[in-house]
C-alpha atoms as a PDB file:
ATOM      1  CA  MET A   1      95.718 166.644 246.612  1.00  0.00           C
ATOM      2  CA  THR A   2      94.342 163.466 244.701  1.00  0.00           C
ATOM      3  CA  GLU A   3      95.658 163.145 241.422  1.00  0.00           C
ATOM      4  CA  LYS A   4      94.152 160.615 238.369  1.00  0.00           C
ATOM      5  CA  VAL A   5      97.269 159.079 237.004  1.00  0.00           C
ATOM      6  CA  ALA A   6      97.298 156.498 234.242  1.00  0.00           C
ATOM      7  CA  VAL A   7     100.389 154.174 233.955  1.00  0.00           C
ATOM      8  CA  LEU A   8     100.496 152.512 230.324  1.00  0.00           C
ATOM      9  CA  GLY A   9     102.749 149.398 231.093  1.00  0.00           C
ATOM     10  CA  ALA A  10     102.065 146.661 233.383  1.00  0.00           C
ATOM     11  CA  GLY A  11     105.812 145.267 233.834  1.00  0.00           C
ATOM     12  CA  SER A  12     107.675 145.027 236.584  1.00  0.00           C
ATOM     13  CA  TRP A  13     108.609 148.568 237.026  1.00  0.00           C
ATOM     14  CA  GLY A  14     105.227 149.853 235.905  1.00  0.00           C
ATOM     15  CA  SER A  15     103.086 148.039 237.925  1.00  0.00           C
ATOM     16  CA  ILE A  16     105.395 148.954 240.847  1.00  0.00           C
ATOM     17  CA  LEU A  17     105.353 152.759 240.264  1.00  0.00           C
ATOM     18  CA  ALA A  18     101.529 152.558 239.932  1.00  0.00           C
ATOM     19  CA  ASN A  19     101.672 150.753 243.687  1.00  0.00           C
ATOM     20  CA  LEU A  20     103.837 153.184 244.980  1.00  0.00           C
ATOM     21  CA  LEU A  21     101.512 156.470 243.251  1.00  0.00           C
ATOM     22  CA  ALA A  22      98.174 154.085 245.087  1.00  0.00           C
ATOM     23  CA  GLU A  23      99.645 153.809 248.117  1.00  0.00           C
ATOM     24  CA  ASN A  24     100.416 157.357 247.892  1.00  0.00           C
ATOM     25  CA  GLY A  25      96.854 158.411 247.639  1.00  0.00           C
ATOM     26  CA  GLN A  26      96.826 158.852 244.267  1.00  0.00           C
ATOM     27  CA  ASP A  27      94.029 157.651 242.205  1.00  0.00           C
ATOM     28  CA  VAL A  28      95.757 155.179 239.750  1.00  0.00           C
ATOM     29  CA  THR A  29      94.354 153.326 236.616  1.00  0.00           C
ATOM     30  CA  LEU A  30      97.466 150.346 235.448  1.00  0.00           C
ATOM     31  CA  TRP A  31      96.533 149.588 231.596  1.00  0.00           C
ATOM     32  CA  SER A  32      98.044 146.167 229.792  1.00  0.00           C
ATOM     33  CA  HIS A  33      97.069 144.896 226.562  1.00  0.00           C
ATOM     34  CA  ASN A  34      97.249 141.376 228.729  1.00  0.00           C
ATOM     35  CA  ALA A  35      93.248 140.970 229.788  1.00  0.00           C
ATOM     36  CA  GLU A  36      94.586 138.021 231.985  1.00  0.00           C
ATOM     37  CA  GLN A  37      96.898 139.912 233.521  1.00  0.00           C
ATOM     38  CA  VAL A  38      94.262 142.336 234.267  1.00  0.00           C
ATOM     39  CA  LYS A  39      92.087 140.394 235.579  1.00  0.00           C
ATOM     40  CA  VAL A  40      94.655 138.622 238.350  1.00  0.00           C
ATOM     41  CA  LEU A  41      95.663 141.945 239.251  1.00  0.00           C
ATOM     42  CA  ASN A  42      92.162 143.024 239.783  1.00  0.00           C
ATOM     43  CA  GLU A  43      91.299 140.051 241.016  1.00  0.00           C
ATOM     44  CA  GLN A  44      93.966 139.013 243.041  1.00  0.00           C
ATOM     45  CA  HIS A  45      96.439 141.873 243.588  1.00  0.00           C
ATOM     46  CA  VAL A  46      99.186 140.160 242.052  1.00  0.00           C
ATOM     47  CA  ASN A  47     101.665 140.130 238.897  1.00  0.00           C
ATOM     48  CA  PRO A  48     103.579 136.932 239.490  1.00  0.00           C
ATOM     49  CA  ARG A  49     105.225 136.687 235.663  1.00  0.00           C
ATOM     50  CA  TYR A  50     107.145 140.146 237.025  1.00  0.00           C
ATOM     51  CA  ILE A  51     106.955 140.270 240.443  1.00  0.00           C
ATOM     52  CA  LYS A  52     106.886 137.241 242.850  1.00  0.00           C
ATOM     53  CA  ASP A  53     105.473 137.133 246.063  1.00  0.00           C
ATOM     54  CA  PHE A  54     104.364 140.426 246.217  1.00  0.00           C
ATOM     55  CA  THR A  55     100.804 141.757 247.172  1.00  0.00           C
ATOM     56  CA  TYR A  56      99.330 145.025 245.379  1.00  0.00           C
ATOM     57  CA  SER A  57      97.261 147.888 246.930  1.00  0.00           C
ATOM     58  CA  LYS A  58      94.085 146.984 246.525  1.00  0.00           C
ATOM     59  CA  ARG A  59      93.686 151.054 245.670  1.00  0.00           C
ATOM     60  CA  LEU A  60      95.178 149.976 242.730  1.00  0.00           C
ATOM     61  CA  LYS A  61      92.785 148.999 239.453  1.00  0.00           C
ATOM     62  CA  ALA A  62      94.061 147.732 236.253  1.00  0.00           C
ATOM     63  CA  THR A  63      92.093 147.933 232.849  1.00  0.00           C
ATOM     64  CA  ASP A  64      92.986 146.904 229.352  1.00  0.00           C
ATOM     65  CA  ASP A  65      91.242 149.334 227.875  1.00  0.00           C
ATOM     66  CA  MET A  66      93.394 152.574 227.561  1.00  0.00           C
ATOM     67  CA  GLN A  67      90.899 154.987 227.132  1.00  0.00           C
ATOM     68  CA  SER A  68      88.905 154.022 230.180  1.00  0.00           C
ATOM     69  CA  ALA A  69      92.882 154.411 232.041  1.00  0.00           C
ATOM     70  CA  VAL A  70      93.393 157.627 230.311  1.00  0.00           C
ATOM     71  CA  ASP A  71      89.998 159.418 230.514  1.00  0.00           C
ATOM     72  CA  GLY A  72      90.342 162.546 233.300  1.00  0.00           C
ATOM     73  CA  ALA A  73      93.767 161.789 233.888  1.00  0.00           C
ATOM     74  CA  SER A  74      96.318 164.756 234.784  1.00  0.00           C
ATOM     75  CA  VAL A  75      99.412 162.221 234.353  1.00  0.00           C
ATOM     76  CA  VAL A  76     100.143 159.628 232.106  1.00  0.00           C
ATOM     77  CA  LEU A  77     103.140 157.395 233.045  1.00  0.00           C
ATOM     78  CA  ILE A  78     104.346 155.256 230.661  1.00  0.00           C
ATOM     79  CA  VAL A  79     106.633 152.384 231.309  1.00  0.00           C
ATOM     80  CA  VAL A  80     106.890 150.236 228.114  1.00  0.00           C
ATOM     81  CA  PRO A  81     110.038 148.733 226.234  1.00  0.00           C
ATOM     82  CA  THR A  82     111.538 151.239 224.067  1.00  0.00           C
ATOM     83  CA  LYS A  83     110.445 149.244 221.075  1.00  0.00           C
ATOM     84  CA  ALA A  84     106.818 149.843 222.292  1.00  0.00           C
ATOM     85  CA  ILE A  85     107.310 153.977 222.535  1.00  0.00           C
ATOM     86  CA  ARG A  86     105.916 154.895 219.532  1.00  0.00           C
ATOM     87  CA  GLU A  87     103.571 152.299 219.157  1.00  0.00           C
ATOM     88  CA  VAL A  88     101.741 153.228 222.831  1.00  0.00           C
ATOM     89  CA  GLY A  89     102.534 157.039 222.082  1.00  0.00           C
ATOM     90  CA  GLY A  90     100.678 156.723 219.353  1.00  0.00           C
ATOM     91  CA  GLN A  91      97.695 155.518 220.590  1.00  0.00           C
ATOM     92  CA  LEU A  92      97.822 157.801 223.744  1.00  0.00           C
ATOM     93  CA  GLY A  93      98.361 160.560 221.445  1.00  0.00           C
ATOM     94  CA  GLN A  94      94.859 159.501 219.206  1.00  0.00           C
ATOM     95  CA  LEU A  95      93.037 159.236 222.607  1.00  0.00           C
ATOM     96  CA  LEU A  96      94.315 163.011 224.516  1.00  0.00           C
ATOM     97  CA  SER A  97      93.223 164.305 221.141  1.00  0.00           C
ATOM     98  CA  LYS A  98      89.644 162.854 221.047  1.00  0.00           C
ATOM     99  CA  LEU A  99      89.374 163.137 224.821  1.00  0.00           C
ATOM    100  CA  GLY A 100      90.555 167.243 224.129  1.00  0.00           C
ATOM    101  CA  GLN A 101      92.990 166.718 227.186  1.00  0.00           C
ATOM    102  CA  ARG A 102      96.535 167.903 228.138  1.00  0.00           C
ATOM    103  CA  PRO A 103      97.826 166.225 231.000  1.00  0.00           C
ATOM    104  CA  LEU A 104     101.890 165.737 232.062  1.00  0.00           C
ATOM    105  CA  ILE A 105     103.397 163.022 230.192  1.00  0.00           C
ATOM    106  CA  VAL A 106     106.435 160.916 232.291  1.00  0.00           C
ATOM    107  CA  HIS A 107     108.669 158.556 231.403  1.00  0.00           C
ATOM    108  CA  ALA A 108     110.474 155.914 232.854  1.00  0.00           C
ATOM    109  CA  THR A 109     111.472 153.631 229.940  1.00  0.00           C
ATOM    110  CA  LYS A 110     115.711 153.120 229.270  1.00  0.00           C
ATOM    111  CA  GLY A 111     116.635 152.921 226.196  1.00  0.00           C
ATOM    112  CA  LEU A 112     116.801 154.212 222.113  1.00  0.00           C
ATOM    113  CA  GLU A 113     115.529 153.673 219.420  1.00  0.00           C
ATOM    114  CA  GLN A 114     116.778 151.261 216.476  1.00  0.00           C
ATOM    115  CA  ASN A 115     117.739 153.044 213.150  1.00  0.00           C
ATOM    116  CA  THR A 116     116.399 156.675 214.368  1.00  0.00           C
ATOM    117  CA  TYR A 117     118.518 156.594 217.439  1.00  0.00           C
ATOM    118  CA  LYS A 118     116.020 158.742 219.834  1.00  0.00           C
ATOM    119  CA  ARG A 119     115.238 158.895 222.815  1.00  0.00           C
ATOM    120  CA  PRO A 120     111.949 158.238 224.174  1.00  0.00           C
ATOM    121  CA  SER A 121     110.980 161.950 224.786  1.00  0.00           C
ATOM    122  CA  GLU A 122     111.847 162.802 221.399  1.00  0.00           C
ATOM    123  CA  MET A 123     109.492 159.885 220.230  1.00  0.00           C
ATOM    124  CA  LEU A 124     106.581 161.050 222.704  1.00  0.00           C
ATOM    125  CA  THR A 125     107.069 164.588 221.194  1.00  0.00           C
ATOM    126  CA  GLU A 126     106.706 163.239 217.645  1.00  0.00           C
ATOM    127  CA  GLU A 127     103.633 161.286 218.619  1.00  0.00           C
ATOM    128  CA  ILE A 128     101.737 163.270 220.916  1.00  0.00           C
ATOM    129  CA  ASN A 129     100.598 166.886 220.046  1.00  0.00           C
ATOM    130  CA  GLU A 130     102.200 169.823 221.822  1.00  0.00           C
ATOM    131  CA  ALA A 131      98.010 170.486 222.177  1.00  0.00           C
ATOM    132  CA  ASN A 132      97.472 167.311 223.914  1.00  0.00           C
ATOM    133  CA  ARG A 133     100.800 167.681 227.027  1.00  0.00           C
ATOM    134  CA  THR A 134     101.560 170.236 229.098  1.00  0.00           C
ATOM    135  CA  ASP A 135     105.236 168.560 229.537  1.00  0.00           C
ATOM    136  CA  ILE A 136     107.224 165.490 228.894  1.00  0.00           C
ATOM    137  CA  VAL A 137     109.406 164.176 232.295  1.00  0.00           C
ATOM    138  CA  VAL A 138     111.791 161.661 232.730  1.00  0.00           C
ATOM    139  CA  LEU A 139     111.515 159.820 235.630  1.00  0.00           C
ATOM    140  CA  SER A 140     115.077 158.213 235.944  1.00  0.00           C
ATOM    141  CA  GLY A 141     117.956 156.722 238.586  1.00  0.00           C
ATOM    142  CA  PRO A 142     119.383 153.957 240.566  1.00  0.00           C
ATOM    143  CA  SER A 143     115.862 151.702 240.996  1.00  0.00           C
ATOM    144  CA  HIS A 144     114.698 147.844 240.969  1.00  0.00           C
ATOM    145  CA  ALA A 145     111.486 147.213 241.130  1.00  0.00           C
ATOM    146  CA  GLU A 146     112.128 144.254 243.336  1.00  0.00           C
ATOM    147  CA  ASP A 147     113.927 146.545 246.118  1.00  0.00           C
ATOM    148  CA  VAL A 148     111.150 149.724 245.212  1.00  0.00           C
ATOM    149  CA  ALA A 149     108.553 146.486 246.064  1.00  0.00           C
ATOM    150  CA  ARG A 150     110.073 145.517 249.572  1.00  0.00           C
ATOM    151  CA  LYS A 151     110.515 149.290 250.392  1.00  0.00           C
ATOM    152  CA  ASP A 152     114.018 150.269 250.298  1.00  0.00           C
ATOM    153  CA  LEU A 153     115.331 153.227 250.033  1.00  0.00           C
ATOM    154  CA  THR A 154     115.492 154.777 246.801  1.00  0.00           C
ATOM    155  CA  SER A 155     116.490 158.071 245.408  1.00  0.00           C
ATOM    156  CA  VAL A 156     115.541 158.916 241.562  1.00  0.00           C
ATOM    157  CA  THR A 157     115.737 161.698 238.804  1.00  0.00           C
ATOM    158  CA  ALA A 158     112.551 163.748 237.702  1.00  0.00           C
ATOM    159  CA  ALA A 159     114.178 165.632 234.664  1.00  0.00           C
ATOM    160  CA  CYS A 160     112.365 168.417 232.675  1.00  0.00           C
ATOM    161  CA  ALA A 161     113.804 171.162 230.341  1.00  0.00           C
ATOM    162  CA  ASP A 162     110.861 173.142 232.577  1.00  0.00           C
ATOM    163  CA  PHE A 163     111.300 172.728 236.622  1.00  0.00           C
ATOM    164  CA  ALA A 164     107.856 173.085 237.157  1.00  0.00           C
ATOM    165  CA  GLY A 165     106.988 169.265 235.316  1.00  0.00           C
ATOM    166  CA  ALA A 166     109.685 167.485 237.330  1.00  0.00           C
ATOM    167  CA  GLN A 167     108.207 169.235 240.269  1.00  0.00           C
ATOM    168  CA  THR A 168     104.912 167.908 239.749  1.00  0.00           C
ATOM    169  CA  VAL A 169     106.253 164.504 239.352  1.00  0.00           C
ATOM    170  CA  GLN A 170     108.134 165.111 242.379  1.00  0.00           C
ATOM    171  CA  LYS A 171     105.660 165.479 244.724  1.00  0.00           C
ATOM    172  CA  LEU A 172     103.264 162.884 243.284  1.00  0.00           C
ATOM    173  CA  PHE A 173     106.082 160.120 244.080  1.00  0.00           C
ATOM    174  CA  SER A 174     108.218 161.402 246.878  1.00  0.00           C
ATOM    175  CA  ASN A 175     107.464 159.624 250.265  1.00  0.00           C
ATOM    176  CA  ASP A 176     109.102 158.135 252.727  1.00  0.00           C
ATOM    177  CA  TYR A 177     111.029 155.409 251.310  1.00  0.00           C
ATOM    178  CA  PHE A 178     111.120 156.618 247.914  1.00  0.00           C
ATOM    179  CA  ARG A 179     113.011 159.821 247.435  1.00  0.00           C
ATOM    180  CA  VAL A 180     112.867 162.169 244.054  1.00  0.00           C
ATOM    181  CA  TYR A 181     115.453 165.109 243.030  1.00  0.00           C
ATOM    182  CA  THR A 182     114.621 167.207 240.401  1.00  0.00           C
ATOM    183  CA  ASN A 183     116.882 167.758 237.123  1.00  0.00           C
ATOM    184  CA  ASP A 184     116.345 170.137 234.135  1.00  0.00           C
ATOM    185  CA  ASP A 185     118.685 168.122 231.877  1.00  0.00           C
ATOM    186  CA  VAL A 186     116.519 165.699 229.937  1.00  0.00           C
ATOM    187  CA  ILE A 187     119.242 164.605 226.972  1.00  0.00           C
ATOM    188  CA  GLY A 188     121.982 163.457 229.873  1.00  0.00           C
ATOM    189  CA  THR A 189     119.312 161.567 231.680  1.00  0.00           C
ATOM    190  CA  GLU A 190     118.238 160.266 228.979  1.00  0.00           C
ATOM    191  CA  PHE A 191     121.479 158.471 227.901  1.00  0.00           C
ATOM    192  CA  GLY A 192     122.539 158.174 231.222  1.00  0.00           C
ATOM    193  CA  ALA A 193     119.788 155.524 231.904  1.00  0.00           C
ATOM    194  CA  ALA A 194     119.744 154.021 227.949  1.00  0.00           C
ATOM    195  CA  LEU A 195     124.054 153.612 227.944  1.00  0.00           C
ATOM    196  CA  LYS A 196     124.445 152.134 231.504  1.00  0.00           C
ATOM    197  CA  ASN A 197     122.653 148.857 230.090  1.00  0.00           C
ATOM    198  CA  ILE A 198     125.446 148.396 227.511  1.00  0.00           C
ATOM    199  CA  ILE A 199     128.293 148.630 230.406  1.00  0.00           C
ATOM    200  CA  ALA A 200     126.127 146.359 232.677  1.00  0.00           C
ATOM    201  CA  ILE A 201     126.209 144.012 230.341  1.00  0.00           C
ATOM    202  CA  GLY A 202     130.211 143.854 230.385  1.00  0.00           C
ATOM    203  CA  ALA A 203     129.848 143.712 234.080  1.00  0.00           C
ATOM    204  CA  GLY A 204     128.105 141.041 233.403  1.00  0.00           C
ATOM    205  CA  ILE A 205     130.549 139.202 231.136  1.00  0.00           C
ATOM    206  CA  ILE A 206     133.214 140.399 233.572  1.00  0.00           C
ATOM    207  CA  ASN A 207     131.593 138.365 236.206  1.00  0.00           C
ATOM    208  CA  GLY A 208     131.219 135.598 233.982  1.00  0.00           C
ATOM    209  CA  LEU A 209     134.297 135.132 232.793  1.00  0.00           C
ATOM    210  CA  GLY A 210     135.852 134.661 236.454  1.00  0.00           C
ATOM    211  CA  PHE A 211     137.087 138.134 237.013  1.00  0.00           C
ATOM    212  CA  HIS A 212     136.685 140.296 240.243  1.00  0.00           C
ATOM    213  CA  ASP A 213     136.308 143.628 241.700  1.00  0.00           C
ATOM    214  CA  ASN A 214     139.528 145.450 239.921  1.00  0.00           C
ATOM    215  CA  ALA A 215     138.466 144.624 236.487  1.00  0.00           C
ATOM    216  CA  LYS A 216     134.496 145.285 237.504  1.00  0.00           C
ATOM    217  CA  ALA A 217     135.570 148.723 238.758  1.00  0.00           C
ATOM    218  CA  ALA A 218     137.568 149.227 235.619  1.00  0.00           C
ATOM    219  CA  LEU A 219     135.071 148.438 233.894  1.00  0.00           C
ATOM    220  CA  ILE A 220     132.102 150.602 235.189  1.00  0.00           C
ATOM    221  CA  THR A 221     134.413 153.472 235.881  1.00  0.00           C
ATOM    222  CA  ARG A 222     135.744 153.697 232.118  1.00  0.00           C
ATOM    223  CA  GLY A 223     132.496 152.717 230.849  1.00  0.00           C
ATOM    224  CA  LEU A 224     131.050 155.848 232.824  1.00  0.00           C
ATOM    225  CA  THR A 225     133.317 157.727 230.605  1.00  0.00           C
ATOM    226  CA  GLU A 226     132.050 156.424 227.167  1.00  0.00           C
ATOM    227  CA  ILE A 227     128.354 157.342 228.724  1.00  0.00           C
ATOM    228  CA  ARG A 228     129.114 160.851 229.418  1.00  0.00           C
ATOM    229  CA  ARG A 229     131.316 161.378 225.999  1.00  0.00           C
ATOM    230  CA  LEU A 230     128.445 159.886 223.772  1.00  0.00           C
ATOM    231  CA  GLY A 231     125.905 162.508 226.042  1.00  0.00           C
ATOM    232  CA  VAL A 232     128.107 165.398 225.842  1.00  0.00           C
ATOM    233  CA  ALA A 233     128.504 165.261 222.039  1.00  0.00           C
ATOM    234  CA  PHE A 234     124.386 165.255 221.853  1.00  0.00           C
ATOM    235  CA  GLY A 235     124.332 168.524 224.185  1.00  0.00           C
ATOM    236  CA  ALA A 236     124.339 166.804 227.655  1.00  0.00           C
ATOM    237  CA  ASN A 237     125.323 168.530 231.227  1.00  0.00           C
ATOM    238  CA  PRO A 238     128.128 166.724 232.249  1.00  0.00           C
ATOM    239  CA  PHE A 239     127.622 166.796 235.862  1.00  0.00           C
ATOM    240  CA  THR A 240     124.728 164.983 235.071  1.00  0.00           C
ATOM    241  CA  PHE A 241     126.675 161.876 234.507  1.00  0.00           C
ATOM    242  CA  ILE A 242     128.471 161.831 238.285  1.00  0.00           C
ATOM    243  CA  GLY A 243     124.667 161.856 239.187  1.00  0.00           C
ATOM    244  CA  LEU A 244     121.663 159.851 240.335  1.00  0.00           C
ATOM    245  CA  SER A 245     120.377 159.004 236.344  1.00  0.00           C
ATOM    246  CA  GLY A 246     124.460 158.699 235.645  1.00  0.00           C
ATOM    247  CA  VAL A 247     126.810 157.031 237.730  1.00  0.00           C
ATOM    248  CA  GLY A 248     123.926 155.776 240.595  1.00  0.00           C
ATOM    249  CA  ASP A 249     121.984 153.740 237.502  1.00  0.00           C
ATOM    250  CA  LEU A 250     125.058 152.635 236.581  1.00  0.00           C
ATOM    251  CA  ILE A 251     126.020 151.194 239.902  1.00  0.00           C
ATOM    252  CA  VAL A 252     122.787 149.120 240.467  1.00  0.00           C
ATOM    253  CA  THR A 253     122.432 147.905 236.982  1.00  0.00           C
ATOM    254  CA  ALA A 254     125.912 147.046 236.579  1.00  0.00           C
ATOM    255  CA  THR A 255     125.985 145.075 240.214  1.00  0.00           C
ATOM    256  CA  SER A 256     123.044 143.392 241.149  1.00  0.00           C
ATOM    257  CA  VAL A 257     121.602 139.929 240.064  1.00  0.00           C
ATOM    258  CA  ASN A 258     118.337 142.142 239.706  1.00  0.00           C
ATOM    259  CA  SER A 259     119.395 143.601 236.103  1.00  0.00           C
ATOM    260  CA  ARG A 260     118.429 142.008 232.957  1.00  0.00           C
ATOM    261  CA  ASN A 261     121.164 143.073 231.632  1.00  0.00           C
ATOM    262  CA  TRP A 262     123.726 142.230 233.957  1.00  0.00           C
ATOM    263  CA  ARG A 263     122.637 138.678 234.118  1.00  0.00           C
ATOM    264  CA  ALA A 264     122.508 138.452 230.396  1.00  0.00           C
ATOM    265  CA  GLY A 265     126.181 139.341 230.612  1.00  0.00           C
ATOM    266  CA  ASN A 266     127.288 136.577 233.270  1.00  0.00           C
ATOM    267  CA  GLN A 267     125.173 134.213 230.891  1.00  0.00           C
ATOM    268  CA  LEU A 268     127.729 135.292 227.633  1.00  0.00           C
ATOM    269  CA  GLY A 269     130.745 135.333 229.915  1.00  0.00           C
ATOM    270  CA  GLN A 270     129.666 131.861 230.968  1.00  0.00           C
ATOM    271  CA  GLY A 271     129.561 130.472 227.314  1.00  0.00           C
ATOM    272  CA  LYS A 272     125.891 131.043 226.256  1.00  0.00           C
ATOM    273  CA  SER A 273     125.030 131.951 222.946  1.00  0.00           C
ATOM    274  CA  LEU A 274     122.964 135.309 222.947  1.00  0.00           C
ATOM    275  CA  LYS A 275     120.285 134.056 221.723  1.00  0.00           C
ATOM    276  CA  GLU A 276     119.918 130.784 224.126  1.00  0.00           C
ATOM    277  CA  VAL A 277     120.256 134.361 226.778  1.00  0.00           C
ATOM    278  CA  MET A 278     117.221 135.846 225.453  1.00  0.00           C
ATOM    279  CA  ASP A 279     115.021 132.577 225.161  1.00  0.00           C
ATOM    280  CA  ASN A 280     116.307 132.381 229.145  1.00  0.00           C
ATOM    281  CA  MET A 281     115.149 135.989 229.795  1.00  0.00           C
ATOM    282  CA  GLY A 282     111.640 135.915 228.950  1.00  0.00           C
ATOM    283  CA  MET A 283     111.518 139.779 228.988  1.00  0.00           C
ATOM    284  CA  ILE A 284     113.344 142.262 227.014  1.00  0.00           C
ATOM    285  CA  ILE A 285     117.038 143.362 227.703  1.00  0.00           C
ATOM    286  CA  GLU A 286     117.195 146.473 226.830  1.00  0.00           C
ATOM    287  CA  GLY A 287     120.782 147.121 226.803  1.00  0.00           C
ATOM    288  CA  VAL A 288     121.335 144.593 223.933  1.00  0.00           C
ATOM    289  CA  TYR A 289     119.413 146.828 221.579  1.00  0.00           C
ATOM    290  CA  THR A 290     120.998 149.944 222.591  1.00  0.00           C
ATOM    291  CA  THR A 291     124.510 148.387 222.476  1.00  0.00           C
ATOM    292  CA  LYS A 292     123.818 148.371 218.461  1.00  0.00           C
ATOM    293  CA  ALA A 293     122.285 151.787 218.594  1.00  0.00           C
ATOM    294  CA  ALA A 294     125.189 153.519 220.702  1.00  0.00           C
ATOM    295  CA  TYR A 295     128.039 152.044 218.795  1.00  0.00           C
ATOM    296  CA  GLU A 296     125.961 153.134 215.302  1.00  0.00           C
ATOM    297  CA  LEU A 297     125.992 156.713 217.091  1.00  0.00           C
ATOM    298  CA  ALA A 298     129.704 156.798 217.985  1.00  0.00           C
ATOM    299  CA  GLN A 299     130.944 155.771 214.712  1.00  0.00           C
ATOM    300  CA  GLN A 300     128.452 158.141 213.233  1.00  0.00           C
ATOM    301  CA  ARG A 301     129.922 161.184 215.566  1.00  0.00           C
ATOM    302  CA  ASN A 302     133.474 159.941 215.949  1.00  0.00           C
ATOM    303  CA  VAL A 303     132.918 159.344 219.527  1.00  0.00           C
ATOM    304  CA  SER A 304     135.635 156.931 220.619  1.00  0.00           C
ATOM    305  CA  MET A 305     133.324 154.112 222.765  1.00  0.00           C
ATOM    306  CA  PRO A 306     135.909 150.939 223.163  1.00  0.00           C
ATOM    307  CA  ILE A 307     133.898 148.729 225.314  1.00  0.00           C
ATOM    308  CA  THR A 308     131.251 149.459 223.755  1.00  0.00           C
ATOM    309  CA  GLU A 309     132.663 148.149 221.015  1.00  0.00           C
ATOM    310  CA  ALA A 310     133.959 145.139 221.964  1.00  0.00           C
ATOM    311  CA  ILE A 311     130.329 144.314 223.339  1.00  0.00           C
ATOM    312  CA  TYR A 312     128.874 145.316 220.068  1.00  0.00           C
ATOM    313  CA  GLN A 313     131.124 142.941 218.485  1.00  0.00           C
ATOM    314  CA  VAL A 314     130.251 140.071 220.867  1.00  0.00           C
ATOM    315  CA  LEU A 315     126.447 140.216 220.755  1.00  0.00           C
ATOM    316  CA  TYR A 316     126.080 140.962 216.855  1.00  0.00           C
ATOM    317  CA  GLU A 317     129.590 139.935 215.294  1.00  0.00           C
ATOM    318  CA  ASP A 318     129.957 136.888 217.328  1.00  0.00           C
ATOM    319  CA  ALA A 319     133.218 137.640 218.878  1.00  0.00           C
ATOM    320  CA  ASP A 320     134.609 135.593 221.258  1.00  0.00           C
ATOM    321  CA  VAL A 321     134.178 136.897 224.709  1.00  0.00           C
ATOM    322  CA  LYS A 322     137.504 136.663 225.873  1.00  0.00           C
ATOM    323  CA  THR A 323     139.346 137.651 223.006  1.00  0.00           C
ATOM    324  CA  ALA A 324     136.717 141.213 222.809  1.00  0.00           C
ATOM    325  CA  ILE A 325     137.930 141.812 226.603  1.00  0.00           C
ATOM    326  CA  HIS A 326     141.490 141.154 226.359  1.00  0.00           C
ATOM    327  CA  GLY A 327     141.333 143.205 223.334  1.00  0.00           C
ATOM    328  CA  LEU A 328     140.334 146.074 225.304  1.00  0.00           C
ATOM    329  CA  MET A 329     143.366 145.453 227.734  1.00  0.00           C
ATOM    330  CA  GLN A 330     145.630 145.520 224.806  1.00  0.00           C
ATOM    331  CA  ARG A 331     144.580 148.777 223.020  1.00  0.00           C
ATOM    332  CA  GLU A 332     147.841 151.326 222.994  1.00  0.00           C
ATOM    333  CA  VAL A 333     148.061 153.213 226.395  1.00  0.00           C
ATOM    334  CA  THR A 334     146.307 156.667 226.860  1.00  0.00           C
ATOM    335  CA  SER A 335     145.552 159.239 229.712  1.00  0.00           C
ATOM    336  CA  GLU A 336     142.556 158.758 231.878  1.00  0.00           C
ATOM    337  CA  VAL A 337     141.308 162.251 230.713  1.00  0.00           C
ATOM    338  CA  GLU A 338     140.753 161.515 226.863  1.00  0.00           C
END
């Protein structure tokens, strides 16, 4: 059965997910606030700023009118940076109320809000009235847009407290190269998605400093321990972190040049300033902002996160990169299970 789906956010991940849904036979409209981007997508079927050398399905329609995208949609997929979630969610909430609609809300955003430390689903819950949404589902896992564009084999998780919502997303997205599993741990899925970006910056730093596989493996493994600690402190299921939205997403983000967070860390390790890195990237580096939120959360909850603390010091206190990394190795030795 064909569903009408609105996808809000036409960056690399949003546009590729919209294309995937269109190729799956769904009636998809992709919304962007950029009228020129919309024109190019509709006329040339390309999105060169975000995905180079890729031609989108002619079935995919783009618009800069959110109401046009949302009107009649049974599913709304939100794929915008964390800092835009409230604005876009608020606009969507008003439109749904005006249109009298109650779609399934899905998001694929990975981060935490600054100052409030709220997860994307919490922000959407506040911005969209319960009367105008059937449920909120998180779509997350190890999935670079570039790889999905070339139909590399990909597995992700759809997380929702109600399995019915997760199963709807599973059916919509799954095909012969994109496999969706279900999960009911929204908290763990969102913490895993957000916090792995911090560790990816650290992995990039390690590479930029010239360290090799032993160092990378140690940092990723101990980084996963930190992710689990903070997530569990907020009620997450610890087993979620050994799944696709935990260790799976961490591996792909902390080992690939396709990861903006890894590339940012790599440049920091090579001696560039954070300002230079952010100016050169041209797109949001979620891990930079998530590091601050996670560091402050850990301080509040008294959760030990030494890797996160070291990266915070590099990003926000202008600490020397080499000193911060070596400081991790000189900490008092302890048990692995602590």
